[in-house]
Amino acid sequence: MSLPSVVMLPLLIVVAAGVYYIYNEVMRFMSKSLVRNKVVVITDAVSGAGTECAHLFHKGGARLILCGTSWDKLESLFDSLTSDADPRETFAPKLVILDFSDMDSMEDVVAEVLECYGCVDVLICNSSMKLKAPIQNISLEVDRNIMDINYFGPSFLAKGLLPTMISRRSGHILLVNSIQGRLAIPFRSSYAASKHAAQAFFDCLRAEVEEYGIVVSTISHTFINASQLPPVEEPVPKPNALAAYIASQMTHGVRPSVLANEIMQTVNRKRKEVVLAHPIPRVALYLRSLLPPFLFAVLAAGVRDSTLVE
């Protein structure tokens, strides 16, 4: 009687793996078909995640508008997308210079984006500026620059493109945010503040434009790990090993390709909120709501450890 059960277990595993494979292939095919002919704007398209997104949406037949601060890098990305592409299946991307640190140019940028195709179906706000430093060492000028790039820029661009979406009663605005838009980490005060502001803005926007058929999504991820080698673990003092472990998990990043695939799936399935993080950051989010004193104590212990190491 034991033989059939021994045989059935591997068979069930093989069947489950086959179903999972078929499901992924179907979803991959649907992902390409759903974005075909859609006008998709990607900010900071020359970054790791932006480049991966550009390749995914371009292969899917989207009409891309790629934005970035460097014309040379945009042209290089353009060449990589069009060199092996089938012109019958794909569209040559449009290129737009966009620098969120120059807020005076934003009205012209919005006009240039709309001139490309006359409308926008999907806006992917991918730009970000990071900073790690003690609060007392950060100048007001740096604070303002980070707020321009991480908050005022994306919000201004969304406002500028919103009227055309409302008139067409369709559209999708996606903010690639950070888990630090939900959870503040020591030595990232300016970055966390800007991400909290962006999260709040797009949460409000979601509710305000739902009646017009416009979807607003946010993806909160840990930092983007573009390195090829795994992070090196440094020795930490034993008394606060828990704090060190949580801190290491909080900064364990996601690959640009993984984030790009999540962005594609979020657009296709019209998800409103996605947290792309490992279990420890997710637990920290719950602790922030349910047991904040415990989380504050752990984070403070980590700060004391880092001070001792330095």
Protein backbone atom coordinates (compact mmCIF):
# COMPACT_ATOMS: atom_id res chain seq x y z
CA MET A 1 0.00 0.00 0.00
CA SER A 2 2.95 2.29 0.51
CA LEU A 3 4.18 1.99 -3.09
CA PRO A 4 1.36 3.97 -4.72
CA SER A 5 1.81 6.86 -2.30
CA VAL A 6 5.55 6.87 -2.97
CA VAL A 7 4.86 7.03 -6.69
CA MET A 8 2.07 9.60 -6.43
CA LEU A 9 4.12 12.20 -4.56
CA PRO A 10 6.71 12.74 -7.33
CA LEU A 11 3.91 12.65 -9.88
CA LEU A 12 2.01 15.37 -8.06
CA ILE A 13 5.16 17.48 -7.85
CA VAL A 14 5.75 17.10 -11.60
CA VAL A 15 2.12 17.98 -12.40
CA ALA A 16 2.22 21.03 -10.10
CA ALA A 17 5.48 22.20 -11.69
CA GLY A 18 3.95 21.77 -15.15
CA VAL A 19 0.84 23.75 -14.24
CA TYR A 20 2.99 26.51 -12.72
CA TYR A 21 5.14 26.65 -15.86
CA ILE A 22 2.11 26.85 -18.15
CA TYR A 23 0.58 29.55 -15.95
CA ASN A 24 3.76 31.65 -16.14
CA GLU A 25 3.95 31.26 -19.92
CA VAL A 26 0.30 32.28 -20.33
CA MET A 27 0.78 35.31 -18.08
CA ARG A 28 3.93 36.27 -19.97
CA PHE A 29 2.05 36.13 -23.27
CA MET A 30 -0.84 38.11 -21.83
CA SER A 31 1.58 40.70 -20.44
CA LYS A 32 2.84 41.43 -23.93
CA SER A 33 -0.61 41.56 -25.49
CA LEU A 34 -2.07 43.84 -22.79
CA VAL A 35 0.51 46.64 -23.28
CA ARG A 36 0.55 46.50 -27.07
CA ASN A 37 -0.01 49.94 -28.62
CA LYS A 38 -0.21 51.52 -25.15
CA VAL A 39 1.65 54.82 -24.69
CA VAL A 40 3.98 54.22 -21.75
CA VAL A 41 6.14 56.91 -20.12
CA ILE A 42 9.12 55.71 -18.04
CA THR A 43 11.08 58.24 -16.00
CA ASP A 44 14.76 57.58 -15.26
CA ALA A 45 14.65 55.00 -18.04
CA VAL A 46 18.45 54.71 -18.06
CA SER A 47 18.61 53.32 -14.52
CA GLY A 48 18.83 49.58 -13.90
CA ALA A 49 15.12 49.09 -13.26
CA GLY A 50 14.17 51.64 -15.91
CA THR A 51 16.22 49.88 -18.58
CA GLU A 52 14.71 46.50 -17.68
CA CYS A 53 11.22 48.05 -17.87
CA ALA A 54 12.01 49.60 -21.24
CA HIS A 55 13.02 46.21 -22.66
CA LEU A 56 9.93 44.46 -21.28
CA PHE A 57 7.42 47.03 -22.50
CA HIS A 58 9.19 47.46 -25.84
CA LYS A 59 9.03 43.71 -26.51
CA GLY A 60 5.36 43.86 -25.58
CA GLY A 61 4.68 46.36 -28.36
CA ALA A 62 4.20 49.48 -26.23
CA ARG A 63 4.75 52.98 -27.59
CA LEU A 64 7.52 54.08 -25.24
CA ILE A 65 8.43 57.59 -24.14
CA LEU A 66 11.76 57.25 -22.34
CA CYS A 67 12.82 60.03 -20.00
CA GLY A 68 16.23 60.66 -18.44
CA THR A 69 18.79 63.31 -17.58
CA SER A 70 21.46 62.18 -20.08
CA TRP A 71 20.84 62.33 -23.81
CA ASP A 72 23.81 60.06 -24.55
CA LYS A 73 22.47 57.35 -22.24
CA LEU A 74 18.99 57.68 -23.71
CA GLU A 75 20.38 57.27 -27.22
CA SER A 76 22.38 54.23 -26.10
CA LEU A 77 19.20 52.69 -24.67
CA PHE A 78 17.36 53.54 -27.88
CA ASP A 79 20.01 51.70 -29.91
CA SER A 80 19.87 48.62 -27.66
CA LEU A 81 16.08 48.47 -28.00
CA THR A 82 15.87 48.96 -31.77
CA SER A 83 18.98 47.07 -32.94
CA ASP A 84 17.37 43.61 -32.92
CA ALA A 85 13.72 44.64 -32.84
CA ASP A 86 11.15 43.78 -35.48
CA PRO A 87 9.70 47.11 -36.73
CA ARG A 88 6.46 45.29 -37.58
CA GLU A 89 5.99 44.27 -33.93
CA THR A 90 7.53 47.18 -32.02
CA PHE A 91 7.65 50.97 -32.08
CA ALA A 92 10.75 53.14 -32.00
CA PRO A 93 10.86 54.86 -28.58
CA LYS A 94 10.55 58.61 -28.17
CA LEU A 95 13.23 60.30 -26.04
CA VAL A 96 12.65 63.20 -23.65
CA ILE A 97 15.15 64.94 -21.38
CA LEU A 98 13.69 65.04 -17.87
CA ASP A 99 15.47 66.36 -14.78
CA PHE A 100 13.30 66.56 -11.68
CA SER A 101 15.93 68.70 -9.94
CA ASP A 102 15.07 71.43 -12.48
CA MET A 103 11.46 72.11 -11.58
CA ASP A 104 11.34 75.22 -13.81
CA SER A 105 11.54 72.98 -16.88
CA MET A 106 8.69 70.67 -15.89
CA GLU A 107 5.92 72.48 -17.80
CA ASP A 108 7.95 72.18 -21.01
CA VAL A 109 8.59 68.50 -20.28
CA VAL A 110 4.88 67.78 -19.83
CA ALA A 111 4.13 69.53 -23.13
CA GLU A 112 6.89 67.59 -24.92
CA VAL A 113 5.63 64.26 -23.57
CA LEU A 114 2.09 65.00 -24.74
CA GLU A 115 3.34 66.06 -28.16
CA CYS A 116 4.77 62.59 -28.77
CA TYR A 117 1.42 60.78 -29.12
CA GLY A 118 -1.16 63.23 -27.82
CA CYS A 119 -1.97 61.14 -24.77
CA VAL A 120 -0.45 58.81 -22.15
CA ASP A 121 -1.87 55.44 -21.14
CA VAL A 122 0.68 54.47 -18.49
CA LEU A 123 2.98 56.70 -16.45
CA ILE A 124 5.76 54.91 -14.54
CA CYS A 125 7.43 57.26 -12.05
CA ASN A 126 10.74 55.52 -11.47
CA SER A 127 13.09 58.37 -10.55
CA SER A 128 14.73 58.44 -7.14
CA MET A 129 17.60 60.06 -5.26
CA LYS A 130 19.06 58.32 -2.21
CA LEU A 131 21.10 59.65 0.69
CA LYS A 132 22.55 58.11 3.82
CA ALA A 133 23.80 60.56 6.44
CA PRO A 134 23.13 61.77 9.99
CA ILE A 135 20.39 64.39 10.16
CA GLN A 136 22.67 67.10 11.54
CA ASN A 137 24.97 66.75 8.51
CA ILE A 138 22.28 67.29 5.86
CA SER A 139 21.84 70.84 4.57
CA LEU A 140 18.49 72.37 3.68
CA GLU A 141 19.61 72.58 0.06
CA VAL A 142 20.15 68.82 -0.08
CA ASP A 143 16.78 68.26 1.61
CA ARG A 144 15.06 70.36 -1.04
CA ASN A 145 16.88 68.64 -3.90
CA ILE A 146 15.81 65.21 -2.65
CA MET A 147 12.22 66.40 -2.24
CA ASP A 148 12.24 67.79 -5.80
CA ILE A 149 13.43 64.50 -7.31
CA ASN A 150 11.48 62.07 -5.12
CA TYR A 151 8.26 63.99 -4.50
CA PHE A 152 7.66 67.30 -6.27
CA GLY A 153 8.87 66.03 -9.65
CA PRO A 154 6.73 62.87 -9.85
CA SER A 155 3.68 64.65 -8.40
CA PHE A 156 4.03 67.55 -10.88
CA LEU A 157 4.37 65.16 -13.82
CA ALA A 158 1.32 63.19 -12.68
CA LYS A 159 -0.69 66.41 -12.35
CA GLY A 160 0.42 67.54 -15.81
CA LEU A 161 -0.65 64.32 -17.53
CA LEU A 162 -3.81 63.83 -15.47
CA PRO A 163 -6.18 66.06 -17.52
CA THR A 164 -5.73 63.95 -20.67
CA MET A 165 -6.37 60.77 -18.67
CA ILE A 166 -9.50 62.26 -17.12
CA SER A 167 -10.83 63.37 -20.51
CA ARG A 168 -10.29 59.86 -21.90
CA ARG A 169 -11.53 58.28 -18.65
CA SER A 170 -8.66 55.83 -18.65
CA GLY A 171 -5.04 55.66 -17.61
CA HIS A 172 -2.62 54.10 -15.15
CA ILE A 173 -0.17 55.97 -12.92
CA LEU A 174 2.43 53.83 -11.18
CA LEU A 175 4.85 55.06 -8.52
CA VAL A 176 7.98 53.00 -7.97
CA ASN A 177 8.45 54.03 -4.36
CA SER A 178 10.40 52.47 -1.50
CA ILE A 179 9.58 50.55 1.63
CA GLN A 180 11.04 53.60 3.38
CA GLY A 181 7.93 55.42 2.26
CA ARG A 182 6.23 53.31 4.92
CA LEU A 183 9.00 52.74 7.42
CA ALA A 184 11.63 55.31 8.41
CA ILE A 185 15.18 53.99 8.83
CA PRO A 186 17.94 55.83 10.75
CA PHE A 187 20.37 57.90 8.67
CA ARG A 188 17.88 58.11 5.78
CA SER A 189 15.80 61.02 7.09
CA SER A 190 15.57 63.07 3.87
CA TYR A 191 15.04 60.03 1.68
CA ALA A 192 12.40 58.52 3.97
CA ALA A 193 10.61 61.85 4.31
CA SER A 194 10.41 62.30 0.53
CA LYS A 195 9.18 58.74 0.05
CA HIS A 196 6.54 59.15 2.77
CA ALA A 197 5.35 62.32 1.02
CA ALA A 198 5.17 60.58 -2.37
CA GLN A 199 3.28 57.62 -0.88
CA ALA A 200 0.71 59.91 0.73
CA PHE A 201 0.25 61.95 -2.46
CA PHE A 202 -0.39 58.93 -4.68
CA ASP A 203 -2.65 57.32 -2.06
CA CYS A 204 -4.79 60.47 -2.13
CA LEU A 205 -4.65 60.59 -5.93
CA ARG A 206 -5.86 56.98 -6.16
CA ALA A 207 -9.09 57.78 -4.34
CA GLU A 208 -9.69 61.04 -6.21
CA VAL A 209 -9.39 59.66 -9.75
CA GLU A 210 -10.99 56.23 -9.35
CA GLU A 211 -14.34 57.56 -10.58
CA TYR A 212 -12.66 58.46 -13.89
CA GLY A 213 -11.44 54.91 -14.48
CA ILE A 214 -7.81 55.82 -13.69
CA VAL A 215 -5.73 53.32 -11.75
CA VAL A 216 -3.01 54.48 -9.35
CA SER A 217 -0.49 51.91 -8.13
CA THR A 218 2.45 52.02 -5.75
CA ILE A 219 5.28 49.51 -5.47
CA SER A 220 7.24 49.65 -2.21
CA HIS A 221 10.52 47.79 -2.55
CA THR A 222 13.76 47.50 -0.64
CA PHE A 223 16.82 48.99 -2.30
CA ILE A 224 17.64 47.92 -5.86
CA ASN A 225 20.60 45.55 -5.83
CA ALA A 226 22.31 45.81 -9.22
CA SER A 227 25.58 44.23 -8.08
CA GLN A 228 26.63 40.81 -9.32
CA LEU A 229 28.10 39.65 -6.04
CA PRO A 230 26.11 38.95 -2.86
CA PRO A 231 26.50 41.53 -0.09
CA VAL A 232 29.37 40.93 2.30
CA GLU A 233 28.27 40.41 5.87
CA GLU A 234 30.29 42.35 8.40
CA PRO A 235 30.81 41.11 11.97
CA VAL A 236 28.51 42.77 14.48
CA PRO A 237 28.53 42.96 18.26
CA LYS A 238 26.72 40.00 19.82
CA PRO A 239 24.61 41.89 22.40
CA ASN A 240 22.48 43.46 19.64
CA ALA A 241 22.60 40.71 17.05
CA LEU A 242 18.82 40.97 16.55
CA ALA A 243 19.07 44.61 15.59
CA ALA A 244 21.91 43.89 13.20
CA TYR A 245 20.00 41.03 11.59
CA ILE A 246 16.89 43.14 11.09
CA ALA A 247 18.98 45.99 9.67
CA SER A 248 20.68 43.64 7.20
CA GLN A 249 17.32 42.27 6.05
CA MET A 250 15.88 45.77 5.71
CA THR A 251 18.62 46.63 3.20
CA HIS A 252 18.57 43.34 1.27
CA GLY A 253 17.77 44.52 -2.20
CA VAL A 254 15.78 43.31 -5.19
CA ARG A 255 17.18 42.73 -8.65
CA PRO A 256 16.24 45.28 -11.36
CA SER A 257 14.80 42.48 -13.51
CA VAL A 258 12.59 41.29 -10.64
CA LEU A 259 11.30 44.82 -10.06
CA ALA A 260 10.66 45.34 -13.77
CA ASN A 261 8.63 42.13 -13.96
CA GLU A 262 6.62 43.23 -10.94
CA ILE A 263 5.94 46.58 -12.61
CA MET A 264 4.71 44.82 -15.73
CA GLN A 265 2.44 42.53 -13.69
CA THR A 266 1.13 45.47 -11.67
CA VAL A 267 0.21 47.35 -14.84
CA ASN A 268 -1.46 44.31 -16.41
CA ARG A 269 -3.40 43.24 -13.33
CA LYS A 270 -4.09 46.82 -12.19
CA ARG A 271 -2.90 46.17 -8.68
CA LYS A 272 -3.19 49.19 -6.43
CA GLU A 273 -0.50 48.39 -3.91
CA VAL A 274 2.50 46.04 -3.92
CA VAL A 275 5.16 45.45 -1.28
CA LEU A 276 8.25 43.86 -2.83
CA ALA A 277 10.35 42.89 0.16
CA HIS A 278 11.68 39.97 2.16
CA PRO A 279 9.89 38.72 5.30
CA ILE A 280 11.86 40.80 7.81
CA PRO A 281 10.92 44.19 6.28
CA ARG A 282 7.32 43.02 6.09
CA VAL A 283 7.39 42.06 9.76
CA ALA A 284 8.88 45.47 10.57
CA LEU A 285 5.92 47.13 8.84
CA TYR A 286 3.51 45.22 11.07
CA LEU A 287 5.58 46.03 14.15
CA ARG A 288 5.43 49.73 13.22
CA SER A 289 1.64 49.54 13.48
CA LEU A 290 1.15 46.98 16.25
CA LEU A 291 4.23 47.26 18.48
CA PRO A 292 5.96 50.56 17.69
CA PRO A 293 7.92 50.78 21.00
CA PHE A 294 9.60 47.44 20.25
CA LEU A 295 10.56 48.50 16.72
CA PHE A 296 11.87 51.86 17.95
CA ALA A 297 14.03 50.07 20.52
CA VAL A 298 15.46 47.71 17.91
CA LEU A 299 16.28 50.56 15.50
CA ALA A 300 17.88 52.61 18.28
CA ALA A 301 19.99 49.61 19.27
CA GLY A 302 21.17 49.34 15.68
CA VAL A 303 22.21 53.01 15.72
CA ARG A 304 24.22 52.48 18.89
CA ASP A 305 25.93 49.48 17.31
CA SER A 306 26.90 51.43 14.21
CA THR A 307 28.30 54.21 16.36
CA LEU A 308 30.46 51.71 18.28
CA VAL A 309 31.75 50.15 15.06
CA GLU A 310 32.70 53.55 13.64
